[in-house]
Amino acid sequence: MKRRILMVLALLGMLGLNGCTETQPTSRGVYMLMDTSGTYTQELEQAQRVINFILANLQPGDSFAVARVDTGSFSEKDIVAKVTFDDRPSKTNQQKRIFRDQIDQFIKSVKPSAHTDITGGMLQASEWLNEAGTGHNTVLIYSDLKEDLKEGYVRDIPLQVDGFSVVALNVTKLRSDNVDPREYLNRLMTWQDKVESGGGQWQVVNDMDRLESVLTL
Protein backbone atom coordinates (compact mmCIF):
# COMPACT_ATOMS: atom_id res chain seq x y z
CA MET A 1 0.00 0.00 0.00
CA LYS A 2 2.80 2.39 0.92
CA ARG A 3 4.54 1.72 -2.38
CA ARG A 4 1.31 2.39 -4.29
CA ILE A 5 0.83 5.69 -2.48
CA LEU A 6 4.38 6.75 -3.33
CA MET A 7 3.78 5.90 -7.00
CA VAL A 8 0.59 7.99 -7.05
CA LEU A 9 2.38 10.92 -5.41
CA ALA A 10 5.22 10.67 -7.94
CA LEU A 11 2.73 10.65 -10.81
CA LEU A 12 0.93 13.69 -9.43
CA GLY A 13 4.26 15.45 -9.06
CA MET A 14 5.10 14.80 -12.70
CA LEU A 15 1.72 16.09 -13.82
CA GLY A 16 2.16 19.22 -11.72
CA LEU A 17 5.61 19.79 -13.17
CA ASN A 18 4.29 19.45 -16.72
CA GLY A 19 1.50 21.89 -15.92
CA CYS A 20 3.98 24.45 -14.60
CA THR A 21 6.19 24.25 -17.68
CA GLU A 22 3.36 25.03 -20.11
CA THR A 23 3.74 28.62 -21.27
CA GLN A 24 1.44 30.76 -23.32
CA PRO A 25 2.91 32.32 -26.49
CA THR A 26 4.06 35.90 -25.95
CA SER A 27 4.30 36.90 -29.61
CA ARG A 28 1.99 39.56 -31.01
CA GLY A 29 -0.33 39.21 -33.96
CA VAL A 30 -1.67 42.28 -35.76
CA TYR A 31 -4.17 42.19 -38.62
CA MET A 32 -5.06 45.53 -40.22
CA LEU A 33 -8.12 46.04 -42.41
CA MET A 34 -8.02 48.95 -44.87
CA ASP A 35 -11.26 50.33 -46.25
CA THR A 36 -10.96 50.80 -50.03
CA SER A 37 -14.52 51.86 -50.80
CA GLY A 38 -15.44 55.12 -52.50
CA THR A 39 -13.50 58.21 -51.49
CA TYR A 40 -11.97 56.46 -48.47
CA THR A 41 -9.07 55.45 -50.71
CA GLN A 42 -7.90 59.05 -50.24
CA GLU A 43 -7.17 58.15 -46.62
CA LEU A 44 -4.80 55.30 -47.47
CA GLU A 45 -1.62 57.38 -47.38
CA GLN A 46 -2.32 57.96 -43.69
CA ALA A 47 -2.99 54.21 -43.34
CA GLN A 48 0.43 53.61 -44.90
CA ARG A 49 2.05 55.71 -42.17
CA VAL A 50 0.23 53.63 -39.56
CA ILE A 51 1.54 50.44 -41.17
CA ASN A 52 5.10 51.76 -41.12
CA PHE A 53 4.71 52.60 -37.44
CA ILE A 54 3.49 49.07 -36.69
CA LEU A 55 6.37 47.54 -38.64
CA ALA A 56 8.84 49.56 -36.59
CA ASN A 57 7.34 48.29 -33.33
CA LEU A 58 6.87 44.58 -34.08
CA GLN A 59 9.61 42.17 -33.01
CA PRO A 60 11.05 38.83 -34.21
CA GLY A 61 8.42 36.12 -33.82
CA ASP A 62 5.47 38.53 -34.23
CA SER A 63 2.98 38.21 -37.09
CA PHE A 64 1.45 40.98 -39.20
CA ALA A 65 -1.04 41.06 -42.06
CA VAL A 66 -2.72 43.86 -43.98
CA ALA A 67 -5.87 43.25 -45.99
CA ARG A 68 -8.24 45.38 -48.03
CA VAL A 69 -11.93 45.74 -47.27
CA ASP A 70 -13.85 45.54 -50.53
CA THR A 71 -17.07 44.04 -51.87
CA GLY A 72 -16.36 40.54 -50.50
CA SER A 73 -13.62 40.51 -47.88
CA PHE A 74 -13.85 36.99 -46.47
CA SER A 75 -11.05 35.82 -48.70
CA GLU A 76 -7.30 35.16 -48.58
CA LYS A 77 -7.08 37.05 -51.87
CA ASP A 78 -7.80 40.30 -50.06
CA ILE A 79 -4.65 39.99 -47.93
CA VAL A 80 -2.21 42.50 -49.40
CA ALA A 81 0.81 41.45 -47.34
CA LYS A 82 1.42 38.95 -44.53
CA VAL A 83 4.44 37.80 -42.55
CA THR A 84 5.63 36.03 -39.43
CA PHE A 85 8.95 37.58 -38.53
CA ASP A 86 12.00 35.38 -38.24
CA ASP A 87 13.75 34.98 -34.88
CA ARG A 88 16.88 36.52 -36.39
CA PRO A 89 16.76 40.35 -36.23
CA SER A 90 18.69 40.72 -39.52
CA LYS A 91 16.15 38.52 -41.32
CA THR A 92 13.29 40.38 -39.64
CA ASN A 93 14.57 43.72 -40.98
CA GLN A 94 14.70 42.26 -44.48
CA GLN A 95 11.12 40.97 -44.12
CA LYS A 96 9.97 44.42 -43.00
CA ARG A 97 11.47 46.04 -46.10
CA ILE A 98 9.71 43.54 -48.38
CA PHE A 99 6.43 44.08 -46.51
CA ARG A 100 6.76 47.86 -46.85
CA ASP A 101 7.40 47.55 -50.60
CA GLN A 102 4.29 45.38 -51.03
CA ILE A 103 2.16 48.01 -49.27
CA ASP A 104 3.70 50.81 -51.35
CA GLN A 105 2.76 49.03 -54.56
CA PHE A 106 -0.76 48.39 -53.34
CA ILE A 107 -1.36 52.02 -52.33
CA LYS A 108 -0.17 53.22 -55.73
CA SER A 109 -2.44 50.88 -57.72
CA VAL A 110 -5.55 50.46 -55.55
CA LYS A 111 -8.94 51.20 -57.11
CA PRO A 112 -12.08 52.02 -55.09
CA SER A 113 -14.43 49.11 -54.42
CA ALA A 114 -18.18 49.32 -54.95
CA HIS A 115 -19.13 47.88 -51.54
CA THR A 116 -17.73 47.55 -48.03
CA ASP A 117 -17.70 44.11 -46.41
CA ILE A 118 -16.20 44.87 -42.99
CA THR A 119 -17.74 41.80 -41.33
CA GLY A 120 -16.17 39.49 -43.91
CA GLY A 121 -12.81 41.14 -43.27
CA MET A 122 -13.22 40.63 -39.53
CA LEU A 123 -14.01 36.95 -40.03
CA GLN A 124 -10.91 36.55 -42.18
CA ALA A 125 -8.82 38.42 -39.60
CA SER A 126 -9.84 36.16 -36.71
CA GLU A 127 -9.21 33.06 -38.82
CA TRP A 128 -5.72 34.22 -39.83
CA LEU A 129 -4.69 35.26 -36.32
CA ASN A 130 -5.93 32.02 -34.78
CA GLU A 131 -3.90 30.05 -37.30
CA ALA A 132 -0.83 32.21 -36.58
CA GLY A 133 -0.95 31.04 -32.95
CA THR A 134 0.16 34.37 -31.51
CA GLY A 135 -0.39 35.19 -27.85
CA HIS A 136 -1.68 38.78 -28.11
CA ASN A 137 -3.99 39.49 -31.04
CA THR A 138 -5.02 42.91 -32.33
CA VAL A 139 -7.32 43.73 -35.24
CA LEU A 140 -7.07 47.28 -36.56
CA ILE A 141 -9.93 48.59 -38.73
CA TYR A 142 -9.00 51.64 -40.79
CA SER A 143 -12.46 52.67 -41.95
CA ASP A 144 -15.44 54.96 -41.46
CA LEU A 145 -17.24 51.75 -40.30
CA LYS A 146 -20.07 52.21 -42.80
CA GLU A 147 -20.78 48.66 -44.00
CA ASP A 148 -22.38 48.43 -47.42
CA LEU A 149 -23.01 44.85 -48.53
CA LYS A 150 -23.67 43.71 -52.07
CA GLU A 151 -27.13 42.27 -52.57
CA GLY A 152 -27.23 38.61 -51.62
CA TYR A 153 -24.24 38.69 -49.26
CA VAL A 154 -25.03 37.24 -45.82
CA ARG A 155 -23.03 38.63 -42.90
CA ASP A 156 -25.38 38.07 -39.96
CA ILE A 157 -22.67 35.94 -38.37
CA PRO A 158 -21.29 36.26 -34.80
CA LEU A 159 -17.67 37.34 -34.61
CA GLN A 160 -15.27 34.97 -32.86
CA VAL A 161 -12.73 37.36 -31.33
CA ASP A 162 -12.33 35.96 -27.83
CA GLY A 163 -9.39 37.71 -26.16
CA PHE A 164 -8.74 39.95 -29.18
CA SER A 165 -8.27 43.72 -29.06
CA VAL A 166 -10.23 45.35 -31.88
CA VAL A 167 -9.33 48.97 -32.59
CA ALA A 168 -11.14 51.27 -35.02
CA LEU A 169 -8.79 53.86 -36.52
CA ASN A 170 -9.54 57.14 -38.24
CA VAL A 171 -13.32 56.73 -38.10
CA THR A 172 -14.10 59.72 -40.29
CA LYS A 173 -17.50 61.35 -40.07
CA LEU A 174 -19.70 61.16 -43.16
CA ARG A 175 -21.71 64.10 -44.48
CA SER A 176 -24.88 62.56 -43.12
CA ASP A 177 -23.24 62.36 -39.68
CA ASN A 178 -23.00 66.14 -39.60
CA VAL A 179 -26.73 66.34 -40.20
CA ASP A 180 -27.54 63.69 -37.59
CA PRO A 181 -24.63 62.76 -35.26
CA ARG A 182 -26.68 59.81 -34.01
CA GLU A 183 -25.73 57.96 -37.21
CA TYR A 184 -22.04 58.18 -36.30
CA LEU A 185 -22.64 57.17 -32.68
CA ASN A 186 -24.89 54.29 -33.72
CA ARG A 187 -22.18 52.92 -36.05
CA LEU A 188 -19.69 52.91 -33.20
CA MET A 189 -22.16 51.28 -30.81
CA THR A 190 -23.15 48.61 -33.35
CA TRP A 191 -19.55 47.53 -33.90
CA GLN A 192 -18.78 47.67 -30.21
CA ASP A 193 -21.69 45.32 -29.52
CA LYS A 194 -20.53 42.92 -32.25
CA VAL A 195 -16.98 42.79 -30.93
CA GLU A 196 -17.81 42.54 -27.24
CA SER A 197 -20.47 39.88 -27.80
CA GLY A 198 -17.75 37.87 -29.58
CA GLY A 199 -15.45 38.10 -26.57
CA GLY A 200 -13.22 40.94 -27.77
CA GLN A 201 -12.24 44.33 -26.41
CA TRP A 202 -13.29 47.40 -28.40
CA GLN A 203 -11.51 50.73 -28.73
CA VAL A 204 -11.71 53.76 -31.02
CA VAL A 205 -8.53 55.74 -31.77
CA ASN A 206 -8.84 58.77 -34.02
CA ASP A 207 -5.67 60.43 -32.72
CA MET A 208 -2.84 58.53 -34.38
CA ASP A 209 -0.43 59.81 -31.71
CA ARG A 210 -2.17 57.37 -29.35
CA LEU A 211 -1.48 54.36 -31.52
CA GLU A 212 1.68 53.47 -29.59
CA SER A 213 -0.35 52.78 -26.45
CA VAL A 214 -2.63 50.44 -28.43
CA LEU A 215 0.31 48.29 -29.54
CA THR A 216 1.88 48.16 -26.07
CA LEU A 217 0.42 44.84 -24.95
C-alpha atoms as a PDB file:
ATOM      1  CA  MET A   1       0.000   0.000   0.000  1.00  0.00           C
ATOM      2  CA  LYS A   2       2.802   2.390   0.923  1.00  0.00           C
ATOM      3  CA  ARG A   3       4.543   1.721  -2.382  1.00  0.00           C
ATOM      4  CA  ARG A   4       1.315   2.386  -4.288  1.00  0.00           C
ATOM      5  CA  ILE A   5       0.826   5.686  -2.483  1.00  0.00           C
ATOM      6  CA  LEU A   6       4.377   6.746  -3.334  1.00  0.00           C
ATOM      7  CA  MET A   7       3.781   5.902  -7.002  1.00  0.00           C
ATOM      8  CA  VAL A   8       0.594   7.991  -7.053  1.00  0.00           C
ATOM      9  CA  LEU A   9       2.383  10.923  -5.414  1.00  0.00           C
ATOM     10  CA  ALA A  10       5.218  10.669  -7.938  1.00  0.00           C
ATOM     11  CA  LEU A  11       2.733  10.648 -10.810  1.00  0.00           C
ATOM     12  CA  LEU A  12       0.934  13.692  -9.429  1.00  0.00           C
ATOM     13  CA  GLY A  13       4.262  15.450  -9.056  1.00  0.00           C
ATOM     14  CA  MET A  14       5.100  14.804 -12.702  1.00  0.00           C
ATOM     15  CA  LEU A  15       1.721  16.093 -13.816  1.00  0.00           C
ATOM     16  CA  GLY A  16       2.161  19.216 -11.719  1.00  0.00           C
ATOM     17  CA  LEU A  17       5.609  19.786 -13.172  1.00  0.00           C
ATOM     18  CA  ASN A  18       4.287  19.453 -16.723  1.00  0.00           C
ATOM     19  CA  GLY A  19       1.498  21.889 -15.918  1.00  0.00           C
ATOM     20  CA  CYS A  20       3.983  24.449 -14.603  1.00  0.00           C
ATOM     21  CA  THR A  21       6.188  24.246 -17.682  1.00  0.00           C
ATOM     22  CA  GLU A  22       3.362  25.026 -20.111  1.00  0.00           C
ATOM     23  CA  THR A  23       3.736  28.620 -21.265  1.00  0.00           C
ATOM     24  CA  GLN A  24       1.443  30.764 -23.323  1.00  0.00           C
ATOM     25  CA  PRO A  25       2.909  32.324 -26.489  1.00  0.00           C
ATOM     26  CA  THR A  26       4.064  35.904 -25.948  1.00  0.00           C
ATOM     27  CA  SER A  27       4.305  36.904 -29.610  1.00  0.00           C
ATOM     28  CA  ARG A  28       1.987  39.557 -31.013  1.00  0.00           C
ATOM     29  CA  GLY A  29      -0.331  39.205 -33.961  1.00  0.00           C
ATOM     30  CA  VAL A  30      -1.671  42.278 -35.757  1.00  0.00           C
ATOM     31  CA  TYR A  31      -4.170  42.193 -38.620  1.00  0.00           C
ATOM     32  CA  MET A  32      -5.062  45.529 -40.224  1.00  0.00           C
ATOM     33  CA  LEU A  33      -8.117  46.039 -42.414  1.00  0.00           C
ATOM     34  CA  MET A  34      -8.016  48.954 -44.869  1.00  0.00           C
ATOM     35  CA  ASP A  35     -11.265  50.326 -46.245  1.00  0.00           C
ATOM     36  CA  THR A  36     -10.958  50.798 -50.032  1.00  0.00           C
ATOM     37  CA  SER A  37     -14.519  51.864 -50.795  1.00  0.00           C
ATOM     38  CA  GLY A  38     -15.438  55.117 -52.498  1.00  0.00           C
ATOM     39  CA  THR A  39     -13.503  58.207 -51.488  1.00  0.00           C
ATOM     40  CA  TYR A  40     -11.970  56.463 -48.469  1.00  0.00           C
ATOM     41  CA  THR A  41      -9.070  55.448 -50.712  1.00  0.00           C
ATOM     42  CA  GLN A  42      -7.904  59.053 -50.238  1.00  0.00           C
ATOM     43  CA  GLU A  43      -7.165  58.151 -46.617  1.00  0.00           C
ATOM     44  CA  LEU A  44      -4.803  55.303 -47.471  1.00  0.00           C
ATOM     45  CA  GLU A  45      -1.615  57.376 -47.380  1.00  0.00           C
ATOM     46  CA  GLN A  46      -2.324  57.960 -43.694  1.00  0.00           C
ATOM     47  CA  ALA A  47      -2.987  54.213 -43.337  1.00  0.00           C
ATOM     48  CA  GLN A  48       0.428  53.612 -44.901  1.00  0.00           C
ATOM     49  CA  ARG A  49       2.053  55.707 -42.171  1.00  0.00           C
ATOM     50  CA  VAL A  50       0.228  53.626 -39.559  1.00  0.00           C
ATOM     51  CA  ILE A  51       1.537  50.436 -41.172  1.00  0.00           C
ATOM     52  CA  ASN A  52       5.103  51.756 -41.121  1.00  0.00           C
ATOM     53  CA  PHE A  53       4.705  52.599 -37.438  1.00  0.00           C
ATOM     54  CA  ILE A  54       3.487  49.069 -36.688  1.00  0.00           C
ATOM     55  CA  LEU A  55       6.375  47.539 -38.644  1.00  0.00           C
ATOM     56  CA  ALA A  56       8.836  49.560 -36.594  1.00  0.00           C
ATOM     57  CA  ASN A  57       7.337  48.289 -33.335  1.00  0.00           C
ATOM     58  CA  LEU A  58       6.872  44.583 -34.077  1.00  0.00           C
ATOM     59  CA  GLN A  59       9.615  42.171 -33.015  1.00  0.00           C
ATOM     60  CA  PRO A  60      11.052  38.827 -34.210  1.00  0.00           C
ATOM     61  CA  GLY A  61       8.416  36.118 -33.816  1.00  0.00           C
ATOM     62  CA  ASP A  62       5.465  38.531 -34.228  1.00  0.00           C
ATOM     63  CA  SER A  63       2.978  38.207 -37.093  1.00  0.00           C
ATOM     64  CA  PHE A  64       1.452  40.984 -39.205  1.00  0.00           C
ATOM     65  CA  ALA A  65      -1.035  41.057 -42.059  1.00  0.00           C
ATOM     66  CA  VAL A  66      -2.716  43.864 -43.977  1.00  0.00           C
ATOM     67  CA  ALA A  67      -5.874  43.249 -45.987  1.00  0.00           C
ATOM     68  CA  ARG A  68      -8.239  45.377 -48.027  1.00  0.00           C
ATOM     69  CA  VAL A  69     -11.925  45.740 -47.272  1.00  0.00           C
ATOM     70  CA  ASP A  70     -13.851  45.542 -50.527  1.00  0.00           C
ATOM     71  CA  THR A  71     -17.071  44.039 -51.868  1.00  0.00           C
ATOM     72  CA  GLY A  72     -16.360  40.545 -50.504  1.00  0.00           C
ATOM     73  CA  SER A  73     -13.615  40.514 -47.883  1.00  0.00           C
ATOM     74  CA  PHE A  74     -13.849  36.989 -46.465  1.00  0.00           C
ATOM     75  CA  SER A  75     -11.048  35.818 -48.698  1.00  0.00           C
ATOM     76  CA  GLU A  76      -7.304  35.159 -48.579  1.00  0.00           C
ATOM     77  CA  LYS A  77      -7.084  37.048 -51.875  1.00  0.00           C
ATOM     78  CA  ASP A  78      -7.796  40.297 -50.057  1.00  0.00           C
ATOM     79  CA  ILE A  79      -4.649  39.985 -47.934  1.00  0.00           C
ATOM     80  CA  VAL A  80      -2.205  42.495 -49.403  1.00  0.00           C
ATOM     81  CA  ALA A  81       0.810  41.447 -47.338  1.00  0.00           C
ATOM     82  CA  LYS A  82       1.423  38.952 -44.527  1.00  0.00           C
ATOM     83  CA  VAL A  83       4.443  37.801 -42.553  1.00  0.00           C
ATOM     84  CA  THR A  84       5.628  36.030 -39.429  1.00  0.00           C
ATOM     85  CA  PHE A  85       8.948  37.581 -38.531  1.00  0.00           C
ATOM     86  CA  ASP A  86      11.996  35.376 -38.237  1.00  0.00           C
ATOM     87  CA  ASP A  87      13.747  34.976 -34.879  1.00  0.00           C
ATOM     88  CA  ARG A  88      16.880  36.517 -36.386  1.00  0.00           C
ATOM     89  CA  PRO A  89      16.760  40.350 -36.234  1.00  0.00           C
ATOM     90  CA  SER A  90      18.686  40.725 -39.517  1.00  0.00           C
ATOM     91  CA  LYS A  91      16.153  38.520 -41.320  1.00  0.00           C
ATOM     92  CA  THR A  92      13.286  40.380 -39.639  1.00  0.00           C
ATOM     93  CA  ASN A  93      14.567  43.721 -40.980  1.00  0.00           C
ATOM     94  CA  GLN A  94      14.701  42.257 -44.485  1.00  0.00           C
ATOM     95  CA  GLN A  95      11.117  40.970 -44.121  1.00  0.00           C
ATOM     96  CA  LYS A  96       9.968  44.420 -43.002  1.00  0.00           C
ATOM     97  CA  ARG A  97      11.468  46.036 -46.104  1.00  0.00           C
ATOM     98  CA  ILE A  98       9.710  43.544 -48.380  1.00  0.00           C
ATOM     99  CA  PHE A  99       6.428  44.080 -46.510  1.00  0.00           C
ATOM    100  CA  ARG A 100       6.763  47.857 -46.847  1.00  0.00           C
ATOM    101  CA  ASP A 101       7.398  47.551 -50.597  1.00  0.00           C
ATOM    102  CA  GLN A 102       4.288  45.383 -51.029  1.00  0.00           C
ATOM    103  CA  ILE A 103       2.160  48.006 -49.266  1.00  0.00           C
ATOM    104  CA  ASP A 104       3.696  50.814 -51.347  1.00  0.00           C
ATOM    105  CA  GLN A 105       2.765  49.030 -54.561  1.00  0.00           C
ATOM    106  CA  PHE A 106      -0.763  48.392 -53.341  1.00  0.00           C
ATOM    107  CA  ILE A 107      -1.363  52.021 -52.329  1.00  0.00           C
ATOM    108  CA  LYS A 108      -0.171  53.219 -55.731  1.00  0.00           C
ATOM    109  CA  SER A 109      -2.437  50.879 -57.716  1.00  0.00           C
ATOM    110  CA  VAL A 110      -5.553  50.461 -55.546  1.00  0.00           C
ATOM    111  CA  LYS A 111      -8.941  51.202 -57.105  1.00  0.00           C
ATOM    112  CA  PRO A 112     -12.078  52.022 -55.088  1.00  0.00           C
ATOM    113  CA  SER A 113     -14.432  49.115 -54.415  1.00  0.00           C
ATOM    114  CA  ALA A 114     -18.179  49.323 -54.948  1.00  0.00           C
ATOM    115  CA  HIS A 115     -19.133  47.883 -51.545  1.00  0.00           C
ATOM    116  CA  THR A 116     -17.730  47.555 -48.034  1.00  0.00           C
ATOM    117  CA  ASP A 117     -17.703  44.112 -46.414  1.00  0.00           C
ATOM    118  CA  ILE A 118     -16.202  44.873 -42.994  1.00  0.00           C
ATOM    119  CA  THR A 119     -17.736  41.803 -41.330  1.00  0.00           C
ATOM    120  CA  GLY A 120     -16.173  39.493 -43.908  1.00  0.00           C
ATOM    121  CA  GLY A 121     -12.814  41.142 -43.271  1.00  0.00           C
ATOM    122  CA  MET A 122     -13.218  40.626 -39.530  1.00  0.00           C
ATOM    123  CA  LEU A 123     -14.005  36.946 -40.030  1.00  0.00           C
ATOM    124  CA  GLN A 124     -10.906  36.553 -42.183  1.00  0.00           C
ATOM    125  CA  ALA A 125      -8.816  38.423 -39.596  1.00  0.00           C
ATOM    126  CA  SER A 126      -9.841  36.161 -36.706  1.00  0.00           C
ATOM    127  CA  GLU A 127      -9.206  33.056 -38.824  1.00  0.00           C
ATOM    128  CA  TRP A 128      -5.725  34.216 -39.826  1.00  0.00           C
ATOM    129  CA  LEU A 129      -4.689  35.260 -36.318  1.00  0.00           C
ATOM    130  CA  ASN A 130      -5.933  32.017 -34.777  1.00  0.00           C
ATOM    131  CA  GLU A 131      -3.896  30.048 -37.303  1.00  0.00           C
ATOM    132  CA  ALA A 132      -0.835  32.209 -36.581  1.00  0.00           C
ATOM    133  CA  GLY A 133      -0.950  31.037 -32.949  1.00  0.00           C
ATOM    134  CA  THR A 134       0.156  34.375 -31.513  1.00  0.00           C
ATOM    135  CA  GLY A 135      -0.385  35.194 -27.854  1.00  0.00           C
ATOM    136  CA  HIS A 136      -1.675  38.777 -28.109  1.00  0.00           C
ATOM    137  CA  ASN A 137      -3.989  39.489 -31.037  1.00  0.00           C
ATOM    138  CA  THR A 138      -5.025  42.906 -32.326  1.00  0.00           C
ATOM    139  CA  VAL A 139      -7.324  43.726 -35.236  1.00  0.00           C
ATOM    140  CA  LEU A 140      -7.073  47.280 -36.565  1.00  0.00           C
ATOM    141  CA  ILE A 141      -9.929  48.587 -38.734  1.00  0.00           C
ATOM    142  CA  TYR A 142      -8.996  51.637 -40.791  1.00  0.00           C
ATOM    143  CA  SER A 143     -12.459  52.668 -41.954  1.00  0.00           C
ATOM    144  CA  ASP A 144     -15.442  54.962 -41.460  1.00  0.00           C
ATOM    145  CA  LEU A 145     -17.236  51.748 -40.301  1.00  0.00           C
ATOM    146  CA  LYS A 146     -20.067  52.205 -42.798  1.00  0.00           C
ATOM    147  CA  GLU A 147     -20.781  48.660 -43.996  1.00  0.00           C
ATOM    148  CA  ASP A 148     -22.384  48.428 -47.419  1.00  0.00           C
ATOM    149  CA  LEU A 149     -23.014  44.849 -48.530  1.00  0.00           C
ATOM    150  CA  LYS A 150     -23.666  43.710 -52.067  1.00  0.00           C
ATOM    151  CA  GLU A 151     -27.133  42.270 -52.573  1.00  0.00           C
ATOM    152  CA  GLY A 152     -27.231  38.612 -51.618  1.00  0.00           C
ATOM    153  CA  TYR A 153     -24.242  38.693 -49.258  1.00  0.00           C
ATOM    154  CA  VAL A 154     -25.030  37.239 -45.817  1.00  0.00           C
ATOM    155  CA  ARG A 155     -23.032  38.627 -42.902  1.00  0.00           C
ATOM    156  CA  ASP A 156     -25.385  38.068 -39.958  1.00  0.00           C
ATOM    157  CA  ILE A 157     -22.672  35.942 -38.369  1.00  0.00           C
ATOM    158  CA  PRO A 158     -21.294  36.257 -34.804  1.00  0.00           C
ATOM    159  CA  LEU A 159     -17.674  37.344 -34.614  1.00  0.00           C
ATOM    160  CA  GLN A 160     -15.267  34.972 -32.864  1.00  0.00           C
ATOM    161  CA  VAL A 161     -12.732  37.364 -31.329  1.00  0.00           C
ATOM    162  CA  ASP A 162     -12.326  35.955 -27.831  1.00  0.00           C
ATOM    163  CA  GLY A 163      -9.393  37.709 -26.159  1.00  0.00           C
ATOM    164  CA  PHE A 164      -8.737  39.952 -29.178  1.00  0.00           C
ATOM    165  CA  SER A 165      -8.274  43.719 -29.060  1.00  0.00           C
ATOM    166  CA  VAL A 166     -10.230  45.351 -31.884  1.00  0.00           C
ATOM    167  CA  VAL A 167      -9.327  48.969 -32.590  1.00  0.00           C
ATOM    168  CA  ALA A 168     -11.138  51.267 -35.015  1.00  0.00           C
ATOM    169  CA  LEU A 169      -8.786  53.858 -36.524  1.00  0.00           C
ATOM    170  CA  ASN A 170      -9.538  57.144 -38.240  1.00  0.00           C
ATOM    171  CA  VAL A 171     -13.318  56.730 -38.096  1.00  0.00           C
ATOM    172  CA  THR A 172     -14.101  59.722 -40.287  1.00  0.00           C
ATOM    173  CA  LYS A 173     -17.497  61.348 -40.075  1.00  0.00           C
ATOM    174  CA  LEU A 174     -19.700  61.160 -43.157  1.00  0.00           C
ATOM    175  CA  ARG A 175     -21.706  64.097 -44.480  1.00  0.00           C
ATOM    176  CA  SER A 176     -24.877  62.559 -43.120  1.00  0.00           C
ATOM    177  CA  ASP A 177     -23.237  62.361 -39.681  1.00  0.00           C
ATOM    178  CA  ASN A 178     -23.000  66.144 -39.600  1.00  0.00           C
ATOM    179  CA  VAL A 179     -26.729  66.337 -40.197  1.00  0.00           C
ATOM    180  CA  ASP A 180     -27.544  63.688 -37.591  1.00  0.00           C
ATOM    181  CA  PRO A 181     -24.631  62.761 -35.256  1.00  0.00           C
ATOM    182  CA  ARG A 182     -26.677  59.812 -34.010  1.00  0.00           C
ATOM    183  CA  GLU A 183     -25.730  57.957 -37.207  1.00  0.00           C
ATOM    184  CA  TYR A 184     -22.044  58.183 -36.295  1.00  0.00           C
ATOM    185  CA  LEU A 185     -22.636  57.172 -32.676  1.00  0.00           C
ATOM    186  CA  ASN A 186     -24.892  54.285 -33.719  1.00  0.00           C
ATOM    187  CA  ARG A 187     -22.181  52.920 -36.050  1.00  0.00           C
ATOM    188  CA  LEU A 188     -19.692  52.906 -33.204  1.00  0.00           C
ATOM    189  CA  MET A 189     -22.161  51.280 -30.814  1.00  0.00           C
ATOM    190  CA  THR A 190     -23.152  48.615 -33.352  1.00  0.00           C
ATOM    191  CA  TRP A 191     -19.550  47.529 -33.901  1.00  0.00           C
ATOM    192  CA  GLN A 192     -18.777  47.671 -30.208  1.00  0.00           C
ATOM    193  CA  ASP A 193     -21.692  45.323 -29.519  1.00  0.00           C
ATOM    194  CA  LYS A 194     -20.526  42.918 -32.255  1.00  0.00           C
ATOM    195  CA  VAL A 195     -16.978  42.790 -30.930  1.00  0.00           C
ATOM    196  CA  GLU A 196     -17.811  42.536 -27.241  1.00  0.00           C
ATOM    197  CA  SER A 197     -20.471  39.883 -27.798  1.00  0.00           C
ATOM    198  CA  GLY A 198     -17.754  37.869 -29.581  1.00  0.00           C
ATOM    199  CA  GLY A 199     -15.454  38.097 -26.566  1.00  0.00           C
ATOM    200  CA  GLY A 200     -13.224  40.938 -27.775  1.00  0.00           C
ATOM    201  CA  GLN A 201     -12.241  44.330 -26.409  1.00  0.00           C
ATOM    202  CA  TRP A 202     -13.292  47.405 -28.402  1.00  0.00           C
ATOM    203  CA  GLN A 203     -11.513  50.727 -28.733  1.00  0.00           C
ATOM    204  CA  VAL A 204     -11.708  53.755 -31.025  1.00  0.00           C
ATOM    205  CA  VAL A 205      -8.533  55.736 -31.773  1.00  0.00           C
ATOM    206  CA  ASN A 206      -8.842  58.772 -34.023  1.00  0.00           C
ATOM    207  CA  ASP A 207      -5.674  60.434 -32.721  1.00  0.00           C
ATOM    208  CA  MET A 208      -2.842  58.529 -34.382  1.00  0.00           C
ATOM    209  CA  ASP A 209      -0.428  59.806 -31.710  1.00  0.00           C
ATOM    210  CA  ARG A 210      -2.171  57.372 -29.347  1.00  0.00           C
ATOM    211  CA  LEU A 211      -1.482  54.358 -31.524  1.00  0.00           C
ATOM    212  CA  GLU A 212       1.675  53.468 -29.589  1.00  0.00           C
ATOM    213  CA  SER A 213      -0.347  52.780 -26.449  1.00  0.00           C
ATOM    214  CA  VAL A 214      -2.630  50.442 -28.427  1.00  0.00           C
ATOM    215  CA  LEU A 215       0.311  48.292 -29.537  1.00  0.00           C
ATOM    216  CA  THR A 216       1.885  48.155 -26.073  1.00  0.00           C
ATOM    217  CA  LEU A 217       0.418  44.842 -24.946  1.00  0.00           C
END
